[in-house]
Amino acid sequence: EKQGKLTEILTELSPIYITEKLPKIPYFLVFGKNDPSPAINEHIEELKEKLSKNGIDYKVEVREEMAHCNMNDFPDTRGRFIEFILKAFKCI
């Protein structure tokens, strides 16, 4: 029962399932190939398709050596992310 509830909550929060509710702002998506989450390649493609369908601009970067949510260990990726955000909001 707990596993089912957790799956339900994660589904409700997953960007893949709520793209139509996301703000229409540019997104910089970083995925790690070492992410233990299942089927990451499928998720990337599905998310890209849904973002495009909803008219949302995005950039995707996949890091071979990165796991889940550890972008701070990759200063070059973090730098591209910061530059992306600054350009998107016309700060530079």
C-alpha atoms as a PDB file:
ATOM      1  CA  GLU A   1       0.000   0.000   0.000  1.00  0.00           C
ATOM      2  CA  LYS A   2       2.822   2.455   0.845  1.00  0.00           C
ATOM      3  CA  GLN A   3       4.580   1.716  -2.446  1.00  0.00           C
ATOM      4  CA  GLY A   4       1.380   2.401  -4.370  1.00  0.00           C
ATOM      5  CA  LYS A   5       0.872   5.725  -2.595  1.00  0.00           C
ATOM      6  CA  LEU A   6       4.491   6.725  -3.232  1.00  0.00           C
ATOM      7  CA  THR A   7       4.128   5.895  -6.923  1.00  0.00           C
ATOM      8  CA  GLU A   8       0.926   7.953  -7.068  1.00  0.00           C
ATOM      9  CA  ILE A   9       2.598  10.974  -5.421  1.00  0.00           C
ATOM     10  CA  LEU A  10       5.672  10.785  -7.660  1.00  0.00           C
ATOM     11  CA  THR A  11       3.464  10.513 -10.729  1.00  0.00           C
ATOM     12  CA  GLU A  12       1.515  13.614  -9.685  1.00  0.00           C
ATOM     13  CA  LEU A  13       4.777  15.567  -9.315  1.00  0.00           C
ATOM     14  CA  SER A  14       6.620  14.267 -12.361  1.00  0.00           C
ATOM     15  CA  PRO A  15       7.085  16.874 -15.105  1.00  0.00           C
ATOM     16  CA  ILE A  16       6.243  14.189 -17.663  1.00  0.00           C
ATOM     17  CA  TYR A  17       2.682  14.045 -16.385  1.00  0.00           C
ATOM     18  CA  ILE A  18       2.126  17.751 -15.753  1.00  0.00           C
ATOM     19  CA  THR A  19       3.735  19.500 -18.733  1.00  0.00           C
ATOM     20  CA  GLU A  20       0.478  21.274 -19.530  1.00  0.00           C
ATOM     21  CA  LYS A  21       0.612  22.865 -16.054  1.00  0.00           C
ATOM     22  CA  LEU A  22       4.239  23.991 -16.221  1.00  0.00           C
ATOM     23  CA  PRO A  23       4.962  27.713 -16.601  1.00  0.00           C
ATOM     24  CA  LYS A  24       5.816  28.674 -20.181  1.00  0.00           C
ATOM     25  CA  ILE A  25       9.441  29.476 -19.394  1.00  0.00           C
ATOM     26  CA  PRO A  26      12.613  27.915 -20.854  1.00  0.00           C
ATOM     27  CA  TYR A  27      13.882  24.785 -19.108  1.00  0.00           C
ATOM     28  CA  PHE A  28      17.439  23.457 -18.901  1.00  0.00           C
ATOM     29  CA  LEU A  29      17.167  19.716 -18.349  1.00  0.00           C
ATOM     30  CA  VAL A  30      20.165  17.802 -17.082  1.00  0.00           C
ATOM     31  CA  PHE A  31      20.129  14.024 -16.984  1.00  0.00           C
ATOM     32  CA  GLY A  32      22.821  11.691 -15.727  1.00  0.00           C
ATOM     33  CA  LYS A  33      23.451   8.393 -17.501  1.00  0.00           C
ATOM     34  CA  ASN A  34      24.370   6.907 -14.101  1.00  0.00           C
ATOM     35  CA  ASP A  35      20.978   7.830 -12.679  1.00  0.00           C
ATOM     36  CA  PRO A  36      19.545   4.702 -11.052  1.00  0.00           C
ATOM     37  CA  SER A  37      16.047   5.748 -12.142  1.00  0.00           C
ATOM     38  CA  PRO A  38      14.627   3.285 -14.644  1.00  0.00           C
ATOM     39  CA  ALA A  39      14.315   3.978 -18.356  1.00  0.00           C
ATOM     40  CA  ILE A  40      15.967   7.406 -18.323  1.00  0.00           C
ATOM     41  CA  ASN A  41      16.303   7.525 -22.111  1.00  0.00           C
ATOM     42  CA  GLU A  42      12.592   6.891 -22.525  1.00  0.00           C
ATOM     43  CA  HIS A  43      11.804   9.609 -19.981  1.00  0.00           C
ATOM     44  CA  ILE A  44      14.015  12.125 -21.754  1.00  0.00           C
ATOM     45  CA  GLU A  45      12.337  11.524 -25.096  1.00  0.00           C
ATOM     46  CA  GLU A  46       8.834  11.547 -23.617  1.00  0.00           C
ATOM     47  CA  LEU A  47       9.498  14.761 -21.712  1.00  0.00           C
ATOM     48  CA  LYS A  48      10.992  16.477 -24.781  1.00  0.00           C
ATOM     49  CA  GLU A  49       7.962  15.470 -26.848  1.00  0.00           C
ATOM     50  CA  LYS A  50       5.487  16.756 -24.259  1.00  0.00           C
ATOM     51  CA  LEU A  51       7.352  20.024 -23.711  1.00  0.00           C
ATOM     52  CA  SER A  52       7.412  20.657 -27.457  1.00  0.00           C
ATOM     53  CA  LYS A  53       3.728  19.797 -27.748  1.00  0.00           C
ATOM     54  CA  ASN A  54       2.966  22.374 -25.048  1.00  0.00           C
ATOM     55  CA  GLY A  55       5.104  25.074 -26.689  1.00  0.00           C
ATOM     56  CA  ILE A  56       7.770  25.057 -23.990  1.00  0.00           C
ATOM     57  CA  ASP A  57      11.385  25.827 -24.942  1.00  0.00           C
ATOM     58  CA  TYR A  58      14.063  23.619 -23.440  1.00  0.00           C
ATOM     59  CA  LYS A  59      17.672  22.527 -23.687  1.00  0.00           C
ATOM     60  CA  VAL A  60      18.779  19.013 -22.740  1.00  0.00           C
ATOM     61  CA  GLU A  61      22.198  17.987 -21.522  1.00  0.00           C
ATOM     62  CA  VAL A  62      23.021  14.368 -20.744  1.00  0.00           C
ATOM     63  CA  ARG A  63      26.138  13.675 -18.673  1.00  0.00           C
ATOM     64  CA  GLU A  64      27.614  10.205 -19.036  1.00  0.00           C
ATOM     65  CA  GLU A  65      29.263  10.190 -15.606  1.00  0.00           C
ATOM     66  CA  MET A  66      26.512  11.897 -13.595  1.00  0.00           C
ATOM     67  CA  ALA A  67      23.967  10.256 -11.320  1.00  0.00           C
ATOM     68  CA  HIS A  68      20.687  11.821 -10.168  1.00  0.00           C
ATOM     69  CA  CYS A  69      20.631  15.436  -8.965  1.00  0.00           C
ATOM     70  CA  ASN A  70      24.350  16.045  -8.544  1.00  0.00           C
ATOM     71  CA  MET A  71      24.922  18.860 -11.039  1.00  0.00           C
ATOM     72  CA  ASN A  72      27.068  20.704  -8.481  1.00  0.00           C
ATOM     73  CA  ASP A  73      29.775  18.094  -9.038  1.00  0.00           C
ATOM     74  CA  PHE A  74      30.002  19.278 -12.663  1.00  0.00           C
ATOM     75  CA  PRO A  75      30.962  22.964 -12.756  1.00  0.00           C
ATOM     76  CA  ASP A  76      30.945  23.117 -16.567  1.00  0.00           C
ATOM     77  CA  THR A  77      27.319  21.937 -16.687  1.00  0.00           C
ATOM     78  CA  ARG A  78      26.402  24.247 -13.825  1.00  0.00           C
ATOM     79  CA  GLY A  79      28.009  27.135 -15.735  1.00  0.00           C
ATOM     80  CA  ARG A  80      25.989  26.348 -18.883  1.00  0.00           C
ATOM     81  CA  PHE A  81      22.850  26.157 -16.755  1.00  0.00           C
ATOM     82  CA  ILE A  82      23.510  29.578 -15.215  1.00  0.00           C
ATOM     83  CA  GLU A  83      24.276  31.085 -18.633  1.00  0.00           C
ATOM     84  CA  PHE A  84      21.071  29.542 -20.044  1.00  0.00           C
ATOM     85  CA  ILE A  85      18.965  31.057 -17.256  1.00  0.00           C
ATOM     86  CA  LEU A  86      20.580  34.474 -17.552  1.00  0.00           C
ATOM     87  CA  LYS A  87      20.022  34.537 -21.321  1.00  0.00           C
ATOM     88  CA  ALA A  88      16.472  33.211 -21.017  1.00  0.00           C
ATOM     89  CA  PHE A  89      15.529  36.022 -18.668  1.00  0.00           C
ATOM     90  CA  LYS A  90      17.533  38.573 -20.663  1.00  0.00           C
ATOM     91  CA  CYS A  91      19.988  39.303 -17.876  1.00  0.00           C
ATOM     92  CA  ILE A  92      22.950  39.057 -20.273  1.00  0.00           C
END
